[in-house]
Structures are given as structure tokens and as C-alpha cells.
Amino acid sequence: MIYKPIDIGSECWIAAGSFVCPGVKIATGAVIGAKSVVTKSILEPWTVHGGNPAEKIRNRQIKNQPE
């Protein structure tokens, strides 16, 4: 088995049943939908992703969002 660290940014939400592959980076504020499979890094902050493989669904709309 090959070990690579997974880097999850602050204020992220990874829903139940999701799988994040080794070596993947998830940007600040990203949301991963339930039962999604994240095979590639998500480098765009404050976005919503889902599916198998996970793809961008939309940008997050947050009041007073940090830069």
C-alpha cells in the first residue's frame, strides 16, 4: 500500500461516505457531497463538488467570506 498525505484546508466539509484518494489536496472552504469520490486535488477555494469522480457543481455563496 502506498501512503501519501491528504491535505484538507480549513472550513471544509466532507460529507458522509465520501472517499478522498491519497495525495489529494482540498482547498479552503470546499464542500464535498455525500458518497463522492475525490480522485484529483480541488484547488479552487469556496466551491462545491460531488459525484464519482467528484466534479465542481458551483461556487459557495457565503456572507462575509474571508479572502
C-alpha atoms as a PDB file:
ATOM      1  CA  MET A   1       0.000   0.000   0.000  1.00  0.00           C
ATOM      2  CA  ILE A   2       1.292   3.444  -0.930  1.00  0.00           C
ATOM      3  CA  TYR A   3       0.914   6.237   1.598  1.00  0.00           C
ATOM      4  CA  LYS A   4       0.503   9.867   0.524  1.00  0.00           C
ATOM      5  CA  PRO A   5      -0.830  12.563   2.860  1.00  0.00           C
ATOM      6  CA  ILE A   6      -4.238  14.142   2.270  1.00  0.00           C
ATOM      7  CA  ASP A   7      -4.278  17.934   2.794  1.00  0.00           C
ATOM      8  CA  ILE A   8      -7.657  19.351   3.833  1.00  0.00           C
ATOM      9  CA  GLY A   9      -7.952  23.143   4.115  1.00  0.00           C
ATOM     10  CA  SER A  10      -9.756  24.989   6.882  1.00  0.00           C
ATOM     11  CA  GLU A  11     -13.547  25.370   6.906  1.00  0.00           C
ATOM     12  CA  CYS A  12     -14.070  22.376   4.572  1.00  0.00           C
ATOM     13  CA  TRP A  13     -16.955  19.974   4.810  1.00  0.00           C
ATOM     14  CA  ILE A  14     -16.600  16.378   3.602  1.00  0.00           C
ATOM     15  CA  ALA A  15     -19.970  14.639   3.723  1.00  0.00           C
ATOM     16  CA  ALA A  16     -20.619  11.080   4.891  1.00  0.00           C
ATOM     17  CA  GLY A  17     -19.470   8.165   2.775  1.00  0.00           C
ATOM     18  CA  SER A  18     -17.035  10.200   0.679  1.00  0.00           C
ATOM     19  CA  PHE A  19     -13.683   8.776  -0.408  1.00  0.00           C
ATOM     20  CA  VAL A  20     -10.630  11.012  -0.788  1.00  0.00           C
ATOM     21  CA  CYS A  21      -7.707   9.408  -2.645  1.00  0.00           C
ATOM     22  CA  PRO A  22      -4.167   9.543  -1.239  1.00  0.00           C
ATOM     23  CA  GLY A  23      -2.197  12.671  -2.139  1.00  0.00           C
ATOM     24  CA  VAL A  24      -5.275  14.845  -2.787  1.00  0.00           C
ATOM     25  CA  LYS A  25      -5.420  18.469  -1.601  1.00  0.00           C
ATOM     26  CA  ILE A  26      -8.734  20.151  -0.814  1.00  0.00           C
ATOM     27  CA  ALA A  27      -8.816  23.966  -0.794  1.00  0.00           C
ATOM     28  CA  THR A  28     -10.164  26.182   1.980  1.00  0.00           C
ATOM     29  CA  GLY A  29     -13.940  26.172   2.327  1.00  0.00           C
ATOM     30  CA  ALA A  30     -14.572  23.422  -0.224  1.00  0.00           C
ATOM     31  CA  VAL A  31     -17.595  21.140   0.236  1.00  0.00           C
ATOM     32  CA  ILE A  32     -17.569  17.503  -0.898  1.00  0.00           C
ATOM     33  CA  GLY A  33     -21.037  15.979  -1.379  1.00  0.00           C
ATOM     34  CA  ALA A  34     -22.121  12.700   0.188  1.00  0.00           C
ATOM     35  CA  LYS A  35     -20.645   9.498  -1.270  1.00  0.00           C
ATOM     36  CA  SER A  36     -18.362  11.441  -3.638  1.00  0.00           C
ATOM     37  CA  VAL A  37     -15.029  10.070  -4.843  1.00  0.00           C
ATOM     38  CA  VAL A  38     -12.298  12.718  -4.944  1.00  0.00           C
ATOM     39  CA  THR A  39      -9.541  11.500  -7.269  1.00  0.00           C
ATOM     40  CA  LYS A  40      -7.868  14.854  -8.076  1.00  0.00           C
ATOM     41  CA  SER A  41      -6.931  17.859  -5.965  1.00  0.00           C
ATOM     42  CA  ILE A  42      -9.561  20.563  -5.522  1.00  0.00           C
ATOM     43  CA  LEU A  43      -7.531  23.746  -5.654  1.00  0.00           C
ATOM     44  CA  GLU A  44     -10.294  26.350  -6.092  1.00  0.00           C
ATOM     45  CA  PRO A  45     -11.449  27.594  -2.663  1.00  0.00           C
ATOM     46  CA  TRP A  46     -15.097  28.015  -1.618  1.00  0.00           C
ATOM     47  CA  THR A  47     -16.596  25.600  -4.149  1.00  0.00           C
ATOM     48  CA  VAL A  48     -18.999  22.640  -4.011  1.00  0.00           C
ATOM     49  CA  HIS A  49     -18.031  19.298  -5.587  1.00  0.00           C
ATOM     50  CA  GLY A  50     -19.789  15.961  -5.893  1.00  0.00           C
ATOM     51  CA  GLY A  51     -20.129  12.712  -7.813  1.00  0.00           C
ATOM     52  CA  ASN A  52     -17.899   9.856  -8.933  1.00  0.00           C
ATOM     53  CA  PRO A  53     -15.408  11.184  -9.807  1.00  0.00           C
ATOM     54  CA  ALA A  54     -16.097  14.455  -7.979  1.00  0.00           C
ATOM     55  CA  GLU A  55     -16.648  17.465 -10.235  1.00  0.00           C
ATOM     56  CA  LYS A  56     -17.339  21.115  -9.484  1.00  0.00           C
ATOM     57  CA  ILE A  57     -21.043  21.827  -9.066  1.00  0.00           C
ATOM     58  CA  ARG A  58     -20.961  25.512  -8.158  1.00  0.00           C
ATOM     59  CA  ASN A  59     -19.278  28.237  -6.117  1.00  0.00           C
ATOM     60  CA  ARG A  60     -20.296  28.729  -2.484  1.00  0.00           C
ATOM     61  CA  GLN A  61     -22.202  31.895  -1.632  1.00  0.00           C
ATOM     62  CA  ILE A  62     -21.163  32.959   1.856  1.00  0.00           C
ATOM     63  CA  LYS A  63     -21.764  36.278   3.584  1.00  0.00           C
ATOM     64  CA  ASN A  64     -18.580  37.838   4.985  1.00  0.00           C
ATOM     65  CA  GLN A  65     -16.469  35.225   3.163  1.00  0.00           C
ATOM     66  CA  PRO A  66     -12.769  35.508   4.046  1.00  0.00           C
ATOM     67  CA  GLU A  67     -10.419  36.364   1.194  1.00  0.00           C
END
